[in-house]
Amino acid sequence: MTISVVGSGGGLGTGNISESFTVPAGSNFLIIACERSSTGGTVSACTYNSVAMTPLFSYITMPNSGGRLFVYYLKNPTPGANTIAMSFSDSVVKAYNIIALQNVAEVGTYASDSSDTGTTATTSISDMKQSLGILLGFCASYVNTTATPAGDQTEIVTQKQNFACCSSSTEPKEGTSDTMTWTLGSSSRWIALAIPLYEAAGNPVAVSPYFQV
């Protein structure tokens, strides 16, 4: 499994997301995660090349009204430069990560945790399949701090905009259970999310700048 390309962005008091993103030929999976520094508002639509993306995760609010994390994905996205768009019902600070991957056969059942304080964000996942794959993680933090992947995780991209921070990382999937952890720059409200991505049987083991499986 290989990460083809990544992107990130955000803004202060911005409304909708609309960005040209190039999906390389051979990529069959596209995912976007967006952290927003407000408890209000919802996502009314998320599309790539005008094709609706599938909602995967929506943490409506961090503890004590800290923010929200939204994650959407699309299988077999059209290769080339196309617009990825996420429409919100209000305008607040946002930070987002966009990732395209190759050889993703299945999205497993995610695990998530959250807290209203602390300098470590972590979530543990269990009951994963024995299939070859990776763990893809996202950490959303609030209160003007940073999030750095810890342990054997490899950072993919981190985007910080004022109070909103969205960090993505990956690590090889080992066995049927694992833990993903981020170190926060200061005590913060946070959400940690771990998503198992499985390869199709028989796919070659790929080497990427971001990880090895």
Protein backbone atom coordinates (compact mmCIF):
# COMPACT_ATOMS: atom_id res chain seq x y z
CA MET A 1 0.00 0.00 0.00
CA THR A 2 1.42 3.37 -0.96
CA ILE A 3 0.56 6.97 -0.14
CA SER A 4 0.52 8.70 -3.52
CA VAL A 5 0.25 12.36 -2.57
CA VAL A 6 -0.85 14.58 0.31
CA GLY A 7 -2.17 18.09 0.73
CA SER A 8 -3.35 20.33 3.52
CA GLY A 9 -4.85 23.72 4.13
CA GLY A 10 -7.04 25.83 6.35
CA GLY A 11 -7.97 29.35 7.20
CA LEU A 12 -9.11 31.80 9.83
CA GLY A 13 -12.83 32.38 9.86
CA THR A 14 -13.20 30.65 6.51
CA GLY A 15 -16.39 29.23 5.07
CA ASN A 16 -16.42 26.31 2.67
CA ILE A 17 -13.37 24.36 1.47
CA SER A 18 -12.76 24.36 -2.29
CA GLU A 19 -9.31 23.29 -3.46
CA SER A 20 -7.81 21.75 -6.59
CA PHE A 21 -6.19 18.45 -5.68
CA THR A 22 -4.32 16.17 -8.08
CA VAL A 23 -4.92 12.44 -7.66
CA PRO A 24 -2.11 10.47 -9.35
CA ALA A 25 -2.93 7.66 -11.76
CA GLY A 26 -3.14 4.35 -9.92
CA SER A 27 -4.59 5.82 -6.72
CA ASN A 28 -7.83 4.17 -5.66
CA PHE A 29 -8.58 5.86 -2.35
CA LEU A 30 -8.96 9.52 -1.32
CA ILE A 31 -9.58 10.77 2.23
CA ILE A 32 -10.01 14.21 3.80
CA ALA A 33 -10.04 15.05 7.52
CA CYS A 34 -11.07 18.50 8.73
CA GLU A 35 -10.90 19.91 12.25
CA ARG A 36 -12.91 23.04 12.97
CA SER A 37 -12.69 25.26 16.05
CA SER A 38 -16.38 25.47 16.82
CA THR A 39 -19.10 23.24 18.22
CA GLY A 40 -21.69 24.69 15.88
CA GLY A 41 -22.20 23.95 12.22
CA THR A 42 -22.48 20.82 10.13
CA VAL A 43 -21.14 19.49 6.82
CA SER A 44 -23.84 19.74 4.18
CA ALA A 45 -21.76 18.21 1.37
CA CYS A 46 -18.28 16.84 0.63
CA THR A 47 -17.31 16.09 -2.99
CA TYR A 48 -14.36 15.38 -5.26
CA ASN A 49 -14.85 16.15 -8.96
CA SER A 50 -18.54 16.70 -8.06
CA VAL A 51 -18.81 13.07 -6.81
CA ALA A 52 -20.14 12.73 -3.27
CA MET A 53 -17.61 11.39 -0.75
CA THR A 54 -18.65 8.89 1.93
CA PRO A 55 -18.78 10.10 5.56
CA LEU A 56 -16.53 7.94 7.74
CA PHE A 57 -16.29 9.81 11.02
CA SER A 58 -18.05 12.78 12.56
CA TYR A 59 -17.19 13.67 16.13
CA ILE A 60 -19.82 16.28 16.77
CA THR A 61 -18.01 18.06 19.58
CA MET A 62 -14.92 17.73 21.69
CA PRO A 63 -15.53 17.64 25.42
CA ASN A 64 -16.38 21.05 26.85
CA SER A 65 -17.24 22.51 23.44
CA GLY A 66 -13.78 22.37 21.90
CA GLY A 67 -14.42 21.70 18.21
CA ARG A 68 -15.33 19.05 15.66
CA LEU A 69 -13.61 16.52 13.41
CA PHE A 70 -15.08 15.36 10.10
CA VAL A 71 -13.61 12.58 7.90
CA TYR A 72 -14.81 11.65 4.39
CA TYR A 73 -13.40 9.22 1.80
CA LEU A 74 -13.90 8.22 -1.84
CA LYS A 75 -13.02 4.96 -3.57
CA ASN A 76 -11.64 5.04 -7.12
CA PRO A 77 -11.41 8.84 -7.47
CA THR A 78 -10.92 10.26 -10.95
CA PRO A 79 -7.19 10.80 -11.55
CA GLY A 80 -5.91 14.26 -12.40
CA ALA A 81 -6.50 17.72 -11.00
CA ASN A 82 -10.06 18.13 -9.73
CA THR A 83 -11.80 20.14 -7.04
CA ILE A 84 -12.31 18.75 -3.57
CA ALA A 85 -15.05 20.66 -1.77
CA MET A 86 -16.54 20.55 1.71
CA SER A 87 -19.55 22.75 2.46
CA PHE A 88 -20.29 23.95 6.00
CA SER A 89 -23.21 25.73 7.57
CA ASP A 90 -21.02 28.42 9.12
CA SER A 91 -17.61 30.09 8.90
CA VAL A 92 -14.98 29.25 11.54
CA VAL A 93 -11.28 28.39 11.72
CA LYS A 94 -10.49 25.12 9.91
CA ALA A 95 -7.45 22.89 9.36
CA TYR A 96 -7.56 19.90 7.02
CA ASN A 97 -5.47 17.06 5.57
CA ILE A 98 -6.05 15.39 2.15
CA ILE A 99 -4.43 12.03 1.32
CA ALA A 100 -4.53 9.80 -1.78
CA LEU A 101 -3.44 6.15 -1.55
CA GLN A 102 -2.95 3.11 -3.78
CA ASN A 103 -4.02 -0.52 -3.28
CA VAL A 104 -6.64 0.08 -0.59
CA ALA A 105 -9.11 -2.82 -0.71
CA GLU A 106 -11.15 -2.24 2.43
CA VAL A 107 -11.72 0.31 5.20
CA GLY A 108 -11.87 -1.38 8.59
CA THR A 109 -13.72 -0.41 11.75
CA TYR A 110 -12.12 2.66 13.33
CA ALA A 111 -11.42 3.45 16.97
CA SER A 112 -11.51 6.90 18.57
CA ASP A 113 -11.04 8.62 21.90
CA SER A 114 -11.18 12.20 23.17
CA SER A 115 -10.52 14.33 26.22
CA ASP A 116 -10.96 17.92 27.32
CA THR A 117 -7.39 18.18 28.64
CA GLY A 118 -3.95 16.63 28.47
CA THR A 119 -0.68 16.67 26.53
CA THR A 120 -1.09 13.16 25.08
CA ALA A 121 -3.78 12.14 22.61
CA THR A 122 -4.20 8.39 22.19
CA THR A 123 -6.61 5.72 21.00
CA SER A 124 -6.39 1.93 21.07
CA ILE A 125 -7.86 -0.32 18.41
CA SER A 126 -8.61 -4.06 18.57
CA ASP A 127 -10.31 -6.84 16.60
CA MET A 128 -8.50 -5.92 13.39
CA LYS A 129 -8.20 -8.46 10.59
CA GLN A 130 -4.96 -10.35 10.08
CA SER A 131 -4.82 -8.97 6.51
CA LEU A 132 -1.86 -6.91 5.35
CA GLY A 133 -2.45 -3.19 5.76
CA ILE A 134 -1.70 -0.02 7.67
CA LEU A 135 -3.17 2.12 10.40
CA LEU A 136 -4.05 5.64 9.28
CA GLY A 137 -4.45 8.07 12.16
CA PHE A 138 -5.78 11.58 12.61
CA CYS A 139 -5.45 13.84 15.65
CA ALA A 140 -7.47 17.03 16.06
CA SER A 141 -6.41 19.41 18.82
CA TYR A 142 -7.78 22.71 20.01
CA VAL A 143 -6.44 25.60 22.15
CA ASN A 144 -3.66 26.83 19.88
CA THR A 145 -1.35 23.81 20.20
CA THR A 146 0.49 21.34 17.97
CA ALA A 147 0.19 17.54 17.61
CA THR A 148 3.24 15.36 16.90
CA PRO A 149 2.95 11.60 16.15
CA ALA A 150 4.73 9.46 18.73
CA GLY A 151 6.12 5.91 18.90
CA ASP A 152 6.58 4.12 15.58
CA GLN A 153 4.13 6.38 13.76
CA THR A 154 5.32 8.35 10.74
CA GLU A 155 3.89 11.82 10.20
CA ILE A 156 2.12 12.35 6.89
CA VAL A 157 1.14 16.00 7.20
CA THR A 158 0.13 18.45 9.94
CA GLN A 159 -1.87 21.61 9.35
CA LYS A 160 -2.31 24.26 12.04
CA GLN A 161 -4.52 27.33 11.78
CA ASN A 162 -4.79 29.38 14.96
CA PHE A 163 -6.92 27.28 17.35
CA ALA A 164 -7.39 24.39 14.89
CA CYS A 165 -4.77 21.67 14.33
CA CYS A 166 -5.18 18.49 12.24
CA SER A 167 -2.33 15.96 12.14
CA SER A 168 -2.22 12.70 10.15
CA SER A 169 0.17 9.78 10.51
CA THR A 170 0.54 6.12 9.68
CA GLU A 171 2.15 2.99 11.02
CA PRO A 172 2.33 -0.63 9.86
CA LYS A 173 -0.55 -2.75 11.10
CA GLU A 174 0.88 -5.43 13.38
CA GLY A 175 -1.44 -8.14 14.66
CA THR A 176 -5.05 -7.46 15.58
CA SER A 177 -4.61 -4.62 18.08
CA ASP A 178 -2.54 -1.46 18.35
CA THR A 179 -2.38 2.05 19.83
CA MET A 180 -1.81 5.39 18.10
CA THR A 181 -0.49 8.34 20.11
CA TRP A 182 0.29 12.02 19.55
CA THR A 183 2.23 14.40 21.80
CA LEU A 184 0.56 17.80 22.14
CA GLY A 185 2.53 21.02 22.49
CA SER A 186 0.43 22.06 25.49
CA SER A 187 -2.59 20.79 27.39
CA SER A 188 -5.50 20.79 24.96
CA ARG A 189 -8.86 19.33 24.08
CA TRP A 190 -8.29 16.55 21.55
CA ILE A 191 -9.73 13.78 19.39
CA ALA A 192 -7.65 10.76 18.27
CA LEU A 193 -8.82 8.49 15.45
CA ALA A 194 -7.26 5.24 14.13
CA ILE A 195 -8.50 3.71 10.85
CA PRO A 196 -7.30 0.30 9.61
CA LEU A 197 -6.87 0.15 5.82
CA TYR A 198 -6.50 -3.33 4.30
CA GLU A 199 -4.78 -4.37 1.08
CA ALA A 200 -6.16 -6.84 -1.42
CA ALA A 201 -4.62 -10.32 -1.19
CA GLY A 202 -1.68 -10.74 -3.52
CA ASN A 203 -0.77 -7.05 -3.80
CA PRO A 204 2.97 -6.44 -3.64
CA VAL A 205 4.36 -4.92 -0.46
CA ALA A 206 5.10 -1.30 -1.36
CA VAL A 207 7.63 1.15 -0.04
CA SER A 208 6.59 4.77 0.35
CA PRO A 209 8.35 7.90 1.62
CA TYR A 210 5.92 7.80 4.57
CA PHE A 211 6.00 4.16 5.71
CA GLN A 212 6.86 0.57 4.90
CA VAL A 213 4.57 -2.46 5.10
